[in-house]
Amino acid sequence: MRILFLTPQLPYPPEKGTALRNWGLISGLAGRHDVALLSFLDPGQTSEPADVLKTTCTRVEAVAPPERSVGARLRDLATTRKADMALRLASDQFAQRVQRWLADEHYDVVHIEGIELAPYLGVIEAARPRPLVIFDDHNCEYLLQKRVFLTDVRAPARWAGAAYSFVQWRRLRRYEAQVCRRADRVLAVSEADAAALRRLAPELTVSVIPNGIDTHTYRPQPAPSVRTAPKLVFTGTMDFRPNVDAVLWFAREVLPQIRAAVPEVHFLIVGQRPHRRLDALRDDPGVELTGWVEDPRPYIAGASVYVAPLRMGGGTRLKLLEAMAMGKAIVATRLGAEGFPVQHEREMVLADTPDAFAAAVVELLRSPERREELGRAGRRFVEERYDWSVIVPQVEALYDIPDIP
């Protein structure tokens, strides 16, 4: 079978959520199918794809993303009714590439990886014979913006962001429903996201294909032989609003309570492009913002407790799969763990208030045996449900459908 993936950035190296999911699907499917990749470039990526992409894919090309200034985005906000994500990667150059590739070769399946690639639906639909269209909705985007709005509106300093999210929530609700209706198959990363999409369009058939992980790459590592101060670790792209909100809430509301019981504790925030809102944390000697790192695994491996204090967002968090696969004890909010069928105090500890979150972390810092118990349960959970070898066949099963008119 010939499969074409359209992705918002080159998925290798797989350094963040979208790329990790795309690379897991592409590399898993390429073992049994001819997979081609047409992608945009992310900031910092070069136009020359990595050799591993060239050997994995039958054809691969990357295009520079369109430039949209803040002024242009504000103009579009005021003069159109389109969602910002419908315009973010709208490119005539990319559309021409898609059209040419579909004319050069027949693809049985086209994967649209994320709502930012939805502007190319029209070009795909016009191809003859028309391929099967898979829309992989990495986040239920309207729900994400709704949750961001409901969080930011409570803080007067964030009202400008809340206003933006309110508008996008309303626009995405309509746009996301339209995109889902046009696709032949809609994928969601969790049952919670699938249910939210069905609320938009009750007639939709949404297939849950969870985020996965390579459990051979992410595996438990020996603890450091030299005793160091206990470390709390959070990983993620640090200009992403839900991540920024999470670490600010944790640093301001939770960390002081933990320090009252464990004064020597350190908090590591591991991820690229730290937002300027995080600059206030740099003066704290017990908090470290690493910025971009080549490999987050040594930081996760060094964590006494991995924390996921998310209060907004959607989808499922690959960061939790990474931490569970590496056998780490985790404390997360229920929203942070949403989409994973984990049980409180079996695979991780769930806590939503500052007091409960701090108490859970302190208890784990004082109990190495309990940390190991949670880590083993988390590792087992990921191996059984979320390794790519389990997930990729679920995607392949969706290709076997009647002919498309």
Protein backbone atom coordinates (compact mmCIF):
# COMPACT_ATOMS: atom_id res chain seq x y z
CA MET A 1 0.00 0.00 0.00
CA ARG A 2 1.22 3.53 -0.82
CA ILE A 3 0.76 6.01 2.02
CA LEU A 4 1.44 9.76 2.01
CA PHE A 5 1.94 11.62 5.29
CA LEU A 6 1.50 15.40 5.52
CA THR A 7 3.14 16.68 8.72
CA PRO A 8 3.63 20.13 10.29
CA GLN A 9 7.36 19.52 10.82
CA LEU A 10 9.90 16.89 9.90
CA PRO A 11 9.26 14.09 12.41
CA TYR A 12 12.91 13.22 12.84
CA PRO A 13 14.55 13.73 15.22
CA PRO A 14 11.40 13.08 17.28
CA GLU A 15 11.89 15.71 19.97
CA LYS A 16 8.34 16.67 20.93
CA GLY A 17 4.80 15.33 20.97
CA THR A 18 3.70 15.81 17.36
CA ALA A 19 6.98 14.54 15.94
CA LEU A 20 7.04 11.58 18.32
CA ARG A 21 3.59 10.48 17.20
CA ASN A 22 4.33 11.04 13.51
CA TRP A 23 7.64 9.21 13.65
CA GLY A 24 6.11 6.31 15.54
CA LEU A 25 3.41 5.89 12.88
CA ILE A 26 5.70 6.46 9.89
CA SER A 27 8.51 4.19 11.05
CA GLY A 28 6.05 1.48 12.10
CA LEU A 29 4.08 1.54 8.83
CA ALA A 30 7.18 1.81 6.62
CA GLY A 31 8.17 -1.71 7.56
CA ARG A 32 5.18 -3.07 5.62
CA HIS A 33 4.13 -0.28 3.23
CA ASP A 34 5.59 2.36 0.91
CA VAL A 35 5.45 5.57 2.96
CA ALA A 36 6.13 9.05 1.52
CA LEU A 37 6.46 12.23 3.56
CA LEU A 38 5.72 15.84 2.61
CA SER A 39 6.36 18.19 5.50
CA PHE A 40 6.85 21.72 6.65
CA LEU A 41 10.00 22.73 8.49
CA ASP A 42 9.93 23.63 12.15
CA PRO A 43 12.08 26.54 13.41
CA GLY A 44 15.67 25.30 13.56
CA GLN A 45 15.14 22.44 11.10
CA THR A 46 17.12 22.40 7.87
CA SER A 47 15.59 21.72 4.47
CA GLU A 48 17.76 18.61 4.12
CA PRO A 49 15.89 15.72 5.80
CA ALA A 50 17.87 13.40 8.05
CA ASP A 51 19.30 10.29 6.40
CA VAL A 52 17.03 8.05 8.47
CA LEU A 53 13.99 9.74 6.91
CA LYS A 54 15.39 9.16 3.43
CA THR A 55 15.96 5.48 4.11
CA THR A 56 12.59 5.01 5.86
CA CYS A 57 10.44 6.88 3.32
CA THR A 58 10.19 6.25 -0.42
CA ARG A 59 10.01 10.01 -0.99
CA VAL A 60 10.53 12.92 1.37
CA GLU A 61 10.54 16.69 0.99
CA ALA A 62 10.24 19.66 3.34
CA VAL A 63 8.89 23.16 2.64
CA ALA A 64 9.52 26.36 4.58
CA PRO A 65 6.43 27.41 6.57
CA PRO A 66 4.57 30.58 5.55
CA GLU A 67 5.50 33.73 7.44
CA ARG A 68 2.68 35.29 9.45
CA SER A 69 3.49 38.33 11.54
CA VAL A 70 1.64 39.24 14.71
CA GLY A 71 0.07 42.08 12.74
CA ALA A 72 -1.18 39.67 10.08
CA ARG A 73 -2.66 37.39 12.70
CA LEU A 74 -4.45 40.30 14.37
CA ARG A 75 -5.75 41.44 10.98
CA ASP A 76 -7.08 37.95 10.24
CA LEU A 77 -8.63 37.83 13.68
CA ALA A 78 -10.54 41.04 12.95
CA THR A 79 -11.37 40.62 9.26
CA THR A 80 -12.13 36.89 8.88
CA ARG A 81 -14.10 34.27 10.73
CA LYS A 82 -11.46 31.62 10.17
CA ALA A 83 -9.74 29.89 13.07
CA ASP A 84 -6.08 30.82 13.45
CA MET A 85 -5.09 27.16 13.02
CA ALA A 86 -6.81 27.13 9.61
CA LEU A 87 -4.38 29.82 8.44
CA ARG A 88 -1.18 28.95 10.29
CA LEU A 89 0.23 26.59 7.61
CA ALA A 90 -1.81 27.69 4.60
CA SER A 91 0.77 27.82 1.78
CA ASP A 92 0.36 27.98 -2.00
CA GLN A 93 3.78 26.37 -2.36
CA PHE A 94 2.79 23.41 -0.19
CA ALA A 95 -0.56 23.06 -1.98
CA GLN A 96 1.25 22.88 -5.32
CA ARG A 97 3.58 20.19 -3.94
CA VAL A 98 0.63 18.12 -2.72
CA GLN A 99 -1.10 18.46 -6.07
CA ARG A 100 2.03 17.48 -7.99
CA TRP A 101 2.78 14.48 -5.77
CA LEU A 102 -0.78 13.19 -6.15
CA ALA A 103 -0.53 13.61 -9.92
CA ASP A 104 2.88 11.88 -10.08
CA GLU A 105 1.78 8.80 -8.18
CA HIS A 106 -1.38 7.24 -6.83
CA TYR A 107 -1.46 7.05 -3.05
CA ASP A 108 -3.95 4.70 -1.45
CA VAL A 109 -4.00 6.68 1.79
CA VAL A 110 -3.16 10.27 2.78
CA HIS A 111 -2.59 11.00 6.48
CA ILE A 112 -3.32 14.60 7.49
CA GLU A 113 -1.38 14.92 10.71
CA GLY A 114 -3.05 17.68 12.67
CA ILE A 115 -5.63 20.36 11.95
CA GLU A 116 -2.99 22.78 10.62
CA LEU A 117 -2.73 20.57 7.50
CA ALA A 118 -6.49 20.60 6.86
CA PRO A 119 -6.29 23.43 4.27
CA TYR A 120 -5.03 20.81 1.81
CA LEU A 121 -8.17 18.69 1.97
CA GLY A 122 -9.49 20.27 -1.22
CA VAL A 123 -6.38 19.34 -3.20
CA ILE A 124 -6.53 15.76 -1.91
CA GLU A 125 -10.25 15.43 -2.64
CA ALA A 126 -9.65 16.55 -6.24
CA ALA A 127 -7.13 13.77 -6.95
CA ARG A 128 -8.26 10.96 -9.21
CA PRO A 129 -8.47 8.27 -8.09
CA ARG A 130 -9.09 9.89 -4.72
CA PRO A 131 -7.10 8.41 -1.84
CA LEU A 132 -8.51 7.47 1.51
CA VAL A 133 -8.20 10.51 3.79
CA ILE A 134 -7.17 9.98 7.40
CA PHE A 135 -7.45 13.03 9.67
CA ASP A 136 -5.34 12.51 12.78
CA ASP A 137 -6.58 15.08 15.29
CA HIS A 138 -3.62 15.26 17.67
CA ASN A 139 -5.62 17.39 20.08
CA CYS A 140 -9.30 18.13 20.19
CA GLU A 141 -8.43 21.73 19.40
CA TYR A 142 -11.69 23.47 20.23
CA LEU A 143 -11.71 21.80 23.63
CA LEU A 144 -8.11 22.82 24.28
CA GLN A 145 -8.91 26.48 23.57
CA LYS A 146 -12.04 26.30 25.71
CA ARG A 147 -10.02 25.03 28.65
CA VAL A 148 -7.32 27.65 28.14
CA PHE A 149 -10.00 30.34 28.16
CA LEU A 150 -11.63 29.02 31.32
CA THR A 151 -8.25 28.99 33.09
CA ASP A 152 -6.93 32.35 31.86
CA VAL A 153 -10.16 34.26 32.42
CA ARG A 154 -9.72 33.77 36.18
CA ALA A 155 -6.53 35.87 36.14
CA PRO A 156 -6.91 39.56 35.09
CA ALA A 157 -3.30 39.62 33.85
CA ARG A 158 -4.24 36.89 31.34
CA TRP A 159 -7.46 38.43 30.01
CA ALA A 160 -5.93 39.27 26.62
CA GLY A 161 -4.98 35.62 26.16
CA ALA A 162 -8.40 34.57 27.44
CA ALA A 163 -10.12 36.77 24.85
CA TYR A 164 -8.03 35.21 22.07
CA SER A 165 -8.84 31.71 23.26
CA PHE A 166 -12.55 32.50 23.54
CA VAL A 167 -12.66 33.58 19.90
CA GLN A 168 -10.59 30.58 18.75
CA TRP A 169 -12.70 28.16 20.78
CA ARG A 170 -15.86 29.34 18.98
CA ARG A 171 -14.25 29.34 15.54
CA LEU A 172 -12.53 25.99 15.99
CA ARG A 173 -15.75 24.37 17.09
CA ARG A 174 -17.19 25.03 13.64
CA TYR A 175 -13.98 24.45 11.65
CA GLU A 176 -12.97 21.23 13.43
CA ALA A 177 -16.43 19.78 12.80
CA GLN A 178 -16.17 20.61 9.09
CA VAL A 179 -12.74 18.99 8.79
CA CYS A 180 -13.86 15.83 10.58
CA ARG A 181 -16.91 15.47 8.32
CA ARG A 182 -14.77 15.71 5.18
CA ALA A 183 -12.29 13.03 6.22
CA ASP A 184 -12.93 9.34 5.60
CA ARG A 185 -11.47 8.35 8.94
CA VAL A 186 -10.97 10.52 12.03
CA LEU A 187 -8.41 9.53 14.64
CA ALA A 188 -8.37 10.80 18.22
CA VAL A 189 -5.67 10.14 20.78
CA SER A 190 -8.07 9.34 23.62
CA GLU A 191 -11.66 8.37 24.27
CA ALA A 192 -12.17 11.75 25.97
CA ASP A 193 -11.13 13.56 22.78
CA ALA A 194 -13.24 11.20 20.66
CA ALA A 195 -16.29 11.98 22.82
CA ALA A 196 -15.64 15.72 22.46
CA LEU A 197 -15.47 15.38 18.66
CA ARG A 198 -18.71 13.39 18.62
CA ARG A 199 -20.36 16.25 20.50
CA LEU A 200 -19.45 18.45 17.53
CA ALA A 201 -20.82 16.00 14.99
CA PRO A 202 -22.82 13.09 16.47
CA GLU A 203 -22.75 11.18 13.18
CA LEU A 204 -18.94 10.87 13.24
CA THR A 205 -17.16 7.57 13.59
CA VAL A 206 -14.01 8.41 15.54
CA SER A 207 -11.30 5.79 16.07
CA VAL A 208 -9.10 6.09 19.14
CA ILE A 209 -5.45 5.59 18.21
CA PRO A 210 -3.46 6.54 21.30
CA ASN A 211 -0.07 8.14 21.40
CA GLY A 212 2.61 5.52 21.65
CA ILE A 213 6.24 5.09 22.53
CA ASP A 214 9.23 2.92 21.68
CA THR A 215 9.72 1.03 24.92
CA HIS A 216 13.18 -0.09 23.79
CA THR A 217 14.31 3.53 23.51
CA TYR A 218 12.60 4.65 26.71
CA ARG A 219 13.40 2.16 29.45
CA PRO A 220 14.40 2.27 33.11
CA GLN A 221 17.99 3.29 33.79
CA PRO A 222 20.13 2.64 36.86
CA ALA A 223 19.93 5.28 39.57
CA PRO A 224 22.99 7.54 40.00
CA SER A 225 25.59 5.95 42.26
CA VAL A 226 26.31 9.28 43.97
CA ARG A 227 23.58 10.60 46.22
CA THR A 228 22.28 13.96 45.02
CA ALA A 229 19.52 16.32 46.08
CA PRO A 230 16.06 14.98 45.17
CA LYS A 231 14.88 16.23 41.79
CA LEU A 232 11.41 16.95 40.49
CA VAL A 233 11.29 16.97 36.69
CA PHE A 234 8.86 18.33 34.13
CA THR A 235 9.48 17.99 30.37
CA GLY A 236 7.79 19.69 27.44
CA THR A 237 7.93 22.44 24.85
CA MET A 238 8.14 25.48 27.07
CA ASP A 239 6.44 28.09 24.92
CA PHE A 240 3.26 25.96 24.83
CA ARG A 241 0.65 27.73 26.97
CA PRO A 242 -0.56 24.68 28.95
CA ASN A 243 3.06 23.83 29.85
CA VAL A 244 3.85 27.41 30.86
CA ASP A 245 0.75 27.55 33.06
CA ALA A 246 1.60 24.16 34.60
CA VAL A 247 5.12 25.03 35.75
CA LEU A 248 4.16 28.50 36.97
CA TRP A 249 1.32 27.06 39.06
CA PHE A 250 3.59 24.34 40.40
CA ALA A 251 6.46 26.72 41.21
CA ARG A 252 4.23 29.27 42.94
CA GLU A 253 1.58 27.17 44.64
CA VAL A 254 3.04 23.69 45.16
CA LEU A 255 6.83 23.88 45.36
CA PRO A 256 6.95 26.09 48.49
CA GLN A 257 4.95 23.48 50.40
CA ILE A 258 7.28 20.70 49.24
CA ARG A 259 10.31 22.75 50.29
CA ALA A 260 8.86 23.22 53.74
CA ALA A 261 9.19 19.44 54.20
CA VAL A 262 12.17 18.72 51.91
CA PRO A 263 14.25 21.94 51.74
CA GLU A 264 16.95 20.53 49.45
CA VAL A 265 14.58 19.57 46.62
CA HIS A 266 15.31 20.89 43.09
CA PHE A 267 12.81 21.49 40.26
CA LEU A 268 14.03 20.95 36.67
CA ILE A 269 12.02 22.32 33.74
CA VAL A 270 13.34 20.55 30.65
CA GLY A 271 12.32 21.77 27.21
CA GLN A 272 12.99 24.08 24.32
CA ARG A 273 12.01 27.74 23.90
CA PRO A 274 11.19 28.75 27.50
CA HIS A 275 8.59 31.51 27.38
CA ARG A 276 9.48 34.90 28.84
CA ARG A 277 6.76 34.41 31.46
CA LEU A 278 9.11 31.83 32.99
CA ASP A 279 11.95 34.32 33.42
CA ALA A 280 10.74 35.08 36.93
CA LEU A 281 11.78 31.55 37.96
CA ARG A 282 15.40 31.99 36.92
CA ASP A 283 16.33 33.82 40.13
CA ASP A 284 15.37 30.79 42.22
CA PRO A 285 18.51 28.66 42.82
CA GLY A 286 16.34 25.60 43.33
CA VAL A 287 14.72 25.87 39.90
CA GLU A 288 16.50 25.19 36.60
CA LEU A 289 15.25 25.89 33.09
CA THR A 290 17.42 23.83 30.79
CA GLY A 291 16.17 25.09 27.44
CA TRP A 292 16.65 22.73 24.52
CA VAL A 293 18.37 19.45 25.34
CA GLU A 294 19.53 16.85 22.85
CA ASP A 295 18.01 14.00 24.83
CA PRO A 296 15.51 14.34 27.71
CA ARG A 297 16.04 10.76 28.91
CA PRO A 298 18.96 11.48 31.27
CA TYR A 299 16.87 14.16 32.98
CA ILE A 300 13.87 11.86 33.35
CA ALA A 301 16.15 9.09 34.59
CA GLY A 302 17.54 11.44 37.25
CA ALA A 303 14.10 12.42 38.55
CA SER A 304 13.11 11.36 42.03
CA VAL A 305 9.53 12.18 41.06
CA TYR A 306 8.20 13.23 37.65
CA VAL A 307 5.49 15.91 37.90
CA ALA A 308 2.72 16.76 35.43
CA PRO A 309 0.79 19.65 37.02
CA LEU A 310 -1.29 20.52 33.94
CA ARG A 311 -4.46 22.56 34.34
CA MET A 312 -5.41 23.08 30.68
CA GLY A 313 -5.05 21.27 27.38
CA GLY A 314 -6.38 18.18 25.67
CA GLY A 315 -5.25 14.97 24.02
CA THR A 316 -2.82 12.73 25.87
CA ARG A 317 0.63 13.66 27.09
CA LEU A 318 3.53 11.79 25.55
CA LYS A 319 5.61 13.10 28.44
CA LEU A 320 3.71 10.74 30.74
CA LEU A 321 4.38 7.78 28.46
CA GLU A 322 8.08 8.64 28.50
CA ALA A 323 8.17 8.85 32.29
CA MET A 324 6.16 5.65 32.80
CA ALA A 325 8.26 3.76 30.25
CA MET A 326 11.37 4.81 32.18
CA GLY A 327 9.89 3.49 35.42
CA LYS A 328 9.42 6.85 37.15
CA ALA A 329 7.03 7.62 39.98
CA ILE A 330 4.61 10.29 38.74
CA VAL A 331 2.33 12.82 40.36
CA ALA A 332 -0.13 14.37 37.91
CA THR A 333 -3.35 16.31 37.88
CA ARG A 334 -6.36 14.39 36.62
CA LEU A 335 -6.43 16.63 33.57
CA GLY A 336 -2.74 15.94 33.01
CA ALA A 337 -3.43 12.19 33.03
CA GLU A 338 -6.62 12.50 30.98
CA GLY A 339 -6.89 9.98 28.18
CA PHE A 340 -4.88 7.28 29.93
CA PRO A 341 -6.87 4.61 31.81
CA VAL A 342 -4.60 4.83 34.83
CA GLN A 343 -5.77 4.26 38.37
CA HIS A 344 -4.92 6.59 41.22
CA GLU A 345 -2.04 5.18 43.28
CA ARG A 346 -1.52 2.21 40.96
CA GLU A 347 0.35 3.62 37.91
CA MET A 348 0.66 7.17 39.27
CA VAL A 349 -0.68 9.47 41.96
CA LEU A 350 -3.38 11.96 40.94
CA ALA A 351 -3.81 15.28 42.75
CA ASP A 352 -5.50 18.52 41.70
CA THR A 353 -5.05 21.01 44.54
CA PRO A 354 -1.75 22.55 45.65
CA ASP A 355 -2.03 20.91 49.08
CA ALA A 356 -2.79 17.45 47.70
CA PHE A 357 -0.14 17.68 44.99
CA ALA A 358 2.55 18.77 47.46
CA ALA A 359 1.60 16.08 49.98
CA ALA A 360 1.78 13.37 47.29
CA VAL A 361 5.24 14.49 46.15
CA VAL A 362 6.57 14.68 49.71
CA GLU A 363 5.26 11.21 50.53
CA LEU A 364 7.03 9.76 47.47
CA LEU A 365 10.28 11.59 48.21
CA ARG A 366 10.29 9.93 51.62
CA SER A 367 9.50 6.44 50.30
CA PRO A 368 11.93 4.93 47.73
CA GLU A 369 10.06 1.62 47.89
CA ARG A 370 6.77 3.28 46.92
CA ARG A 371 8.49 5.11 44.04
CA GLU A 372 9.84 1.83 42.71
CA GLU A 373 6.43 0.17 43.03
CA LEU A 374 4.73 2.92 41.01
CA GLY A 375 7.54 2.88 38.46
CA ARG A 376 7.19 -0.86 37.85
CA ALA A 377 3.42 -0.55 37.45
CA GLY A 378 3.79 2.34 35.01
CA ARG A 379 6.35 0.49 32.91
CA ARG A 380 4.12 -2.58 32.71
CA PHE A 381 1.12 -0.40 31.75
CA VAL A 382 3.00 1.18 28.82
CA GLU A 383 4.46 -2.10 27.55
CA GLU A 384 1.04 -3.73 27.39
CA ARG A 385 -0.90 -0.86 25.82
CA TYR A 386 1.27 1.85 24.26
CA ASP A 387 4.26 0.37 22.48
CA TRP A 388 4.16 1.22 18.77
CA SER A 389 4.18 -2.49 17.94
CA VAL A 390 0.72 -2.63 19.57
CA ILE A 391 -0.63 0.61 18.06
CA VAL A 392 0.46 0.51 14.40
CA PRO A 393 -1.67 -2.57 13.55
CA GLN A 394 -4.70 -0.66 14.86
CA VAL A 395 -4.03 2.05 12.26
CA GLU A 396 -3.55 -0.48 9.46
CA ALA A 397 -6.93 -2.01 10.27
CA LEU A 398 -8.59 1.29 9.36
CA TYR A 399 -7.34 1.12 5.77
CA ASP A 400 -9.56 -1.84 4.92
CA ILE A 401 -12.73 0.01 3.88
CA PRO A 402 -15.03 0.00 0.82
CA ASP A 403 -13.99 1.87 -2.32
CA ILE A 404 -14.24 5.64 -2.11
CA PRO A 405 -16.52 7.32 -4.68
